[in-house]
């Protein structure tokens, strides 16, 4: 009999690890690039989304409890501060949350986990609004 207690799975493990996180990020940015409903959201980003795809995947990986490379490479960087200069209004916040929710569904993230993430992402994006 083991005396060690099993640690509960991190959200990173529950979502399916790094490959699944990257798939969610790819689906999110693909939606942002192809669905006209997200044109205003797309417009506030640089023409080349490659760096953003890598950065968001790295951030989410660490934020969900996986390897914290993104945070180690950016000591003291706050996601809220990174977005402070962007003109994020309630509509852009809604678009971001909607696209991320659709990405979670497309990738097949377990419904309970997807709903929990939608709620947290909604609060995060609302807190990033500047007007």
C-alpha atoms as a PDB file:
ATOM      1  CA  UNK A   1       0.000   0.000   0.000  1.00  0.00           C
ATOM      2  CA  UNK A   2       1.373   3.393  -0.995  1.00  0.00           C
ATOM      3  CA  UNK A   3       1.675   6.079   1.645  1.00  0.00           C
ATOM      4  CA  UNK A   4       1.724   8.805  -0.984  1.00  0.00           C
ATOM      5  CA  UNK A   5      -1.555  10.487  -1.748  1.00  0.00           C
ATOM      6  CA  UNK A   6      -2.312  11.003  -5.390  1.00  0.00           C
ATOM      7  CA  UNK A   7      -2.341  14.602  -6.447  1.00  0.00           C
ATOM      8  CA  UNK A   8      -5.455  15.643  -8.339  1.00  0.00           C
ATOM      9  CA  UNK A   9      -4.830  16.124 -12.028  1.00  0.00           C
ATOM     10  CA  UNK A  10      -3.998  19.675 -13.008  1.00  0.00           C
ATOM     11  CA  UNK A  11      -6.293  21.417 -15.492  1.00  0.00           C
ATOM     12  CA  UNK A  12      -3.399  20.979 -17.963  1.00  0.00           C
ATOM     13  CA  UNK A  13      -3.581  17.213 -17.501  1.00  0.00           C
ATOM     14  CA  UNK A  14      -7.387  17.222 -17.489  1.00  0.00           C
ATOM     15  CA  UNK A  15      -7.526  19.091 -20.791  1.00  0.00           C
ATOM     16  CA  UNK A  16      -5.160  16.575 -22.390  1.00  0.00           C
ATOM     17  CA  UNK A  17      -1.703  18.128 -22.090  1.00  0.00           C
ATOM     18  CA  UNK A  18       0.356  20.286 -24.400  1.00  0.00           C
ATOM     19  CA  UNK A  19      -0.888  18.828 -27.652  1.00  0.00           C
ATOM     20  CA  UNK A  20      -4.493  19.572 -26.727  1.00  0.00           C
ATOM     21  CA  UNK A  21      -3.639  23.091 -25.520  1.00  0.00           C
ATOM     22  CA  UNK A  22      -1.884  23.806 -28.831  1.00  0.00           C
ATOM     23  CA  UNK A  23      -4.875  22.424 -30.736  1.00  0.00           C
ATOM     24  CA  UNK A  24      -7.212  24.785 -28.857  1.00  0.00           C
ATOM     25  CA  UNK A  25      -4.945  27.747 -29.628  1.00  0.00           C
ATOM     26  CA  UNK A  26      -4.704  26.785 -33.306  1.00  0.00           C
ATOM     27  CA  UNK A  27      -8.493  26.437 -33.552  1.00  0.00           C
ATOM     28  CA  UNK A  28      -8.949  29.792 -31.797  1.00  0.00           C
ATOM     29  CA  UNK A  29      -6.642  31.691 -34.142  1.00  0.00           C
ATOM     30  CA  UNK A  30      -7.990  29.854 -37.188  1.00  0.00           C
ATOM     31  CA  UNK A  31     -11.485  31.024 -36.249  1.00  0.00           C
ATOM     32  CA  UNK A  32     -10.212  34.540 -35.701  1.00  0.00           C
ATOM     33  CA  UNK A  33      -8.621  34.535 -39.151  1.00  0.00           C
ATOM     34  CA  UNK A  34     -11.470  32.949 -41.102  1.00  0.00           C
ATOM     35  CA  UNK A  35     -14.773  33.868 -39.457  1.00  0.00           C
ATOM     36  CA  UNK A  36     -15.944  37.392 -40.363  1.00  0.00           C
ATOM     37  CA  UNK A  37     -17.694  37.581 -36.986  1.00  0.00           C
ATOM     38  CA  UNK A  38     -14.236  38.038 -35.449  1.00  0.00           C
ATOM     39  CA  UNK A  39     -12.924  40.629 -37.937  1.00  0.00           C
ATOM     40  CA  UNK A  40     -12.712  43.397 -35.301  1.00  0.00           C
ATOM     41  CA  UNK A  41     -10.773  41.074 -32.985  1.00  0.00           C
ATOM     42  CA  UNK A  42      -8.469  40.053 -35.828  1.00  0.00           C
ATOM     43  CA  UNK A  43      -7.894  43.712 -36.736  1.00  0.00           C
ATOM     44  CA  UNK A  44      -6.194  44.547 -33.421  1.00  0.00           C
ATOM     45  CA  UNK A  45      -3.569  41.823 -33.945  1.00  0.00           C
ATOM     46  CA  UNK A  46      -0.396  41.870 -36.028  1.00  0.00           C
ATOM     47  CA  UNK A  47      -0.616  40.532 -39.589  1.00  0.00           C
ATOM     48  CA  UNK A  48       1.436  37.448 -38.678  1.00  0.00           C
ATOM     49  CA  UNK A  49      -0.211  35.487 -35.883  1.00  0.00           C
ATOM     50  CA  UNK A  50       2.562  32.895 -35.641  1.00  0.00           C
ATOM     51  CA  UNK A  51       4.220  34.525 -32.609  1.00  0.00           C
ATOM     52  CA  UNK A  52       0.836  34.980 -30.906  1.00  0.00           C
ATOM     53  CA  UNK A  53      -0.085  31.338 -31.471  1.00  0.00           C
ATOM     54  CA  UNK A  54       3.137  30.216 -29.779  1.00  0.00           C
ATOM     55  CA  UNK A  55       2.809  32.741 -26.960  1.00  0.00           C
ATOM     56  CA  UNK A  56      -0.799  31.928 -26.108  1.00  0.00           C
ATOM     57  CA  UNK A  57      -0.081  28.191 -26.177  1.00  0.00           C
ATOM     58  CA  UNK A  58       2.874  28.721 -23.841  1.00  0.00           C
ATOM     59  CA  UNK A  59       0.900  30.960 -21.520  1.00  0.00           C
ATOM     60  CA  UNK A  60      -2.074  28.591 -21.315  1.00  0.00           C
ATOM     61  CA  UNK A  61       0.199  25.604 -20.779  1.00  0.00           C
ATOM     62  CA  UNK A  62       1.757  27.190 -17.687  1.00  0.00           C
ATOM     63  CA  UNK A  63      -1.438  28.824 -16.490  1.00  0.00           C
ATOM     64  CA  UNK A  64      -3.240  25.469 -16.587  1.00  0.00           C
ATOM     65  CA  UNK A  65      -0.542  23.801 -14.497  1.00  0.00           C
ATOM     66  CA  UNK A  66       1.774  22.424 -17.160  1.00  0.00           C
ATOM     67  CA  UNK A  67       5.385  23.387 -17.817  1.00  0.00           C
ATOM     68  CA  UNK A  68       5.910  27.052 -16.919  1.00  0.00           C
ATOM     69  CA  UNK A  69       8.399  27.908 -19.672  1.00  0.00           C
ATOM     70  CA  UNK A  70       6.377  30.941 -20.810  1.00  0.00           C
ATOM     71  CA  UNK A  71       6.528  32.408 -17.299  1.00  0.00           C
ATOM     72  CA  UNK A  72      10.219  31.537 -16.821  1.00  0.00           C
ATOM     73  CA  UNK A  73      11.058  33.337 -20.087  1.00  0.00           C
ATOM     74  CA  UNK A  74       9.054  36.411 -19.003  1.00  0.00           C
ATOM     75  CA  UNK A  75       9.672  36.897 -15.292  1.00  0.00           C
ATOM     76  CA  UNK A  76       7.225  39.309 -13.763  1.00  0.00           C
ATOM     77  CA  UNK A  77       5.149  39.718 -16.926  1.00  0.00           C
ATOM     78  CA  UNK A  78       1.436  40.002 -16.326  1.00  0.00           C
ATOM     79  CA  UNK A  79      -1.036  39.038 -19.040  1.00  0.00           C
ATOM     80  CA  UNK A  80      -3.257  41.951 -18.030  1.00  0.00           C
ATOM     81  CA  UNK A  81      -0.365  44.395 -18.478  1.00  0.00           C
ATOM     82  CA  UNK A  82       0.434  42.974 -21.907  1.00  0.00           C
ATOM     83  CA  UNK A  83      -3.072  43.850 -23.056  1.00  0.00           C
ATOM     84  CA  UNK A  84      -3.357  47.241 -21.348  1.00  0.00           C
ATOM     85  CA  UNK A  85      -2.374  49.183 -24.492  1.00  0.00           C
ATOM     86  CA  UNK A  86      -4.901  47.357 -26.682  1.00  0.00           C
ATOM     87  CA  UNK A  87      -8.280  48.983 -27.322  1.00  0.00           C
ATOM     88  CA  UNK A  88     -10.344  46.159 -25.821  1.00  0.00           C
ATOM     89  CA  UNK A  89     -14.008  47.020 -25.458  1.00  0.00           C
ATOM     90  CA  UNK A  90     -16.913  44.829 -24.373  1.00  0.00           C
ATOM     91  CA  UNK A  91     -17.519  43.624 -27.950  1.00  0.00           C
ATOM     92  CA  UNK A  92     -13.891  42.537 -28.476  1.00  0.00           C
ATOM     93  CA  UNK A  93     -13.986  40.826 -25.098  1.00  0.00           C
ATOM     94  CA  UNK A  94     -17.133  38.969 -26.154  1.00  0.00           C
ATOM     95  CA  UNK A  95     -15.570  37.987 -29.489  1.00  0.00           C
ATOM     96  CA  UNK A  96     -12.456  36.621 -27.778  1.00  0.00           C
ATOM     97  CA  UNK A  97     -14.486  34.595 -25.291  1.00  0.00           C
ATOM     98  CA  UNK A  98     -16.829  33.315 -27.995  1.00  0.00           C
ATOM     99  CA  UNK A  99     -13.990  32.248 -30.306  1.00  0.00           C
ATOM    100  CA  UNK A 100     -12.169  30.541 -27.449  1.00  0.00           C
ATOM    101  CA  UNK A 101     -15.349  28.705 -26.446  1.00  0.00           C
ATOM    102  CA  UNK A 102     -15.842  27.514 -30.007  1.00  0.00           C
ATOM    103  CA  UNK A 103     -12.206  26.393 -30.139  1.00  0.00           C
ATOM    104  CA  UNK A 104     -12.653  24.360 -26.948  1.00  0.00           C
ATOM    105  CA  UNK A 105     -15.684  22.679 -28.506  1.00  0.00           C
ATOM    106  CA  UNK A 106     -13.968  22.032 -31.851  1.00  0.00           C
ATOM    107  CA  UNK A 107     -11.038  20.335 -30.162  1.00  0.00           C
ATOM    108  CA  UNK A 108     -13.367  18.234 -28.027  1.00  0.00           C
ATOM    109  CA  UNK A 109     -12.383  19.447 -24.579  1.00  0.00           C
ATOM    110  CA  UNK A 110     -14.548  17.635 -22.014  1.00  0.00           C
ATOM    111  CA  UNK A 111     -17.752  19.695 -21.577  1.00  0.00           C
ATOM    112  CA  UNK A 112     -17.370  20.329 -17.840  1.00  0.00           C
ATOM    113  CA  UNK A 113     -13.778  21.529 -18.286  1.00  0.00           C
ATOM    114  CA  UNK A 114     -14.742  23.605 -21.328  1.00  0.00           C
ATOM    115  CA  UNK A 115     -17.515  25.311 -19.366  1.00  0.00           C
ATOM    116  CA  UNK A 116     -15.206  26.066 -16.444  1.00  0.00           C
ATOM    117  CA  UNK A 117     -12.653  27.560 -18.838  1.00  0.00           C
ATOM    118  CA  UNK A 118     -15.332  29.613 -20.607  1.00  0.00           C
ATOM    119  CA  UNK A 119     -16.324  31.144 -17.277  1.00  0.00           C
ATOM    120  CA  UNK A 120     -12.742  31.972 -16.302  1.00  0.00           C
ATOM    121  CA  UNK A 121     -11.870  33.270 -19.783  1.00  0.00           C
ATOM    122  CA  UNK A 122     -15.002  35.414 -19.700  1.00  0.00           C
ATOM    123  CA  UNK A 123     -13.951  37.020 -16.432  1.00  0.00           C
ATOM    124  CA  UNK A 124     -10.383  37.503 -17.670  1.00  0.00           C
ATOM    125  CA  UNK A 125     -11.437  39.128 -20.938  1.00  0.00           C
ATOM    126  CA  UNK A 126     -13.968  41.346 -19.191  1.00  0.00           C
ATOM    127  CA  UNK A 127     -11.243  42.541 -16.842  1.00  0.00           C
ATOM    128  CA  UNK A 128      -9.106  43.493 -19.845  1.00  0.00           C
ATOM    129  CA  UNK A 129     -11.668  45.916 -21.246  1.00  0.00           C
ATOM    130  CA  UNK A 130     -10.448  49.477 -21.434  1.00  0.00           C
ATOM    131  CA  UNK A 131     -13.753  51.144 -22.139  1.00  0.00           C
END
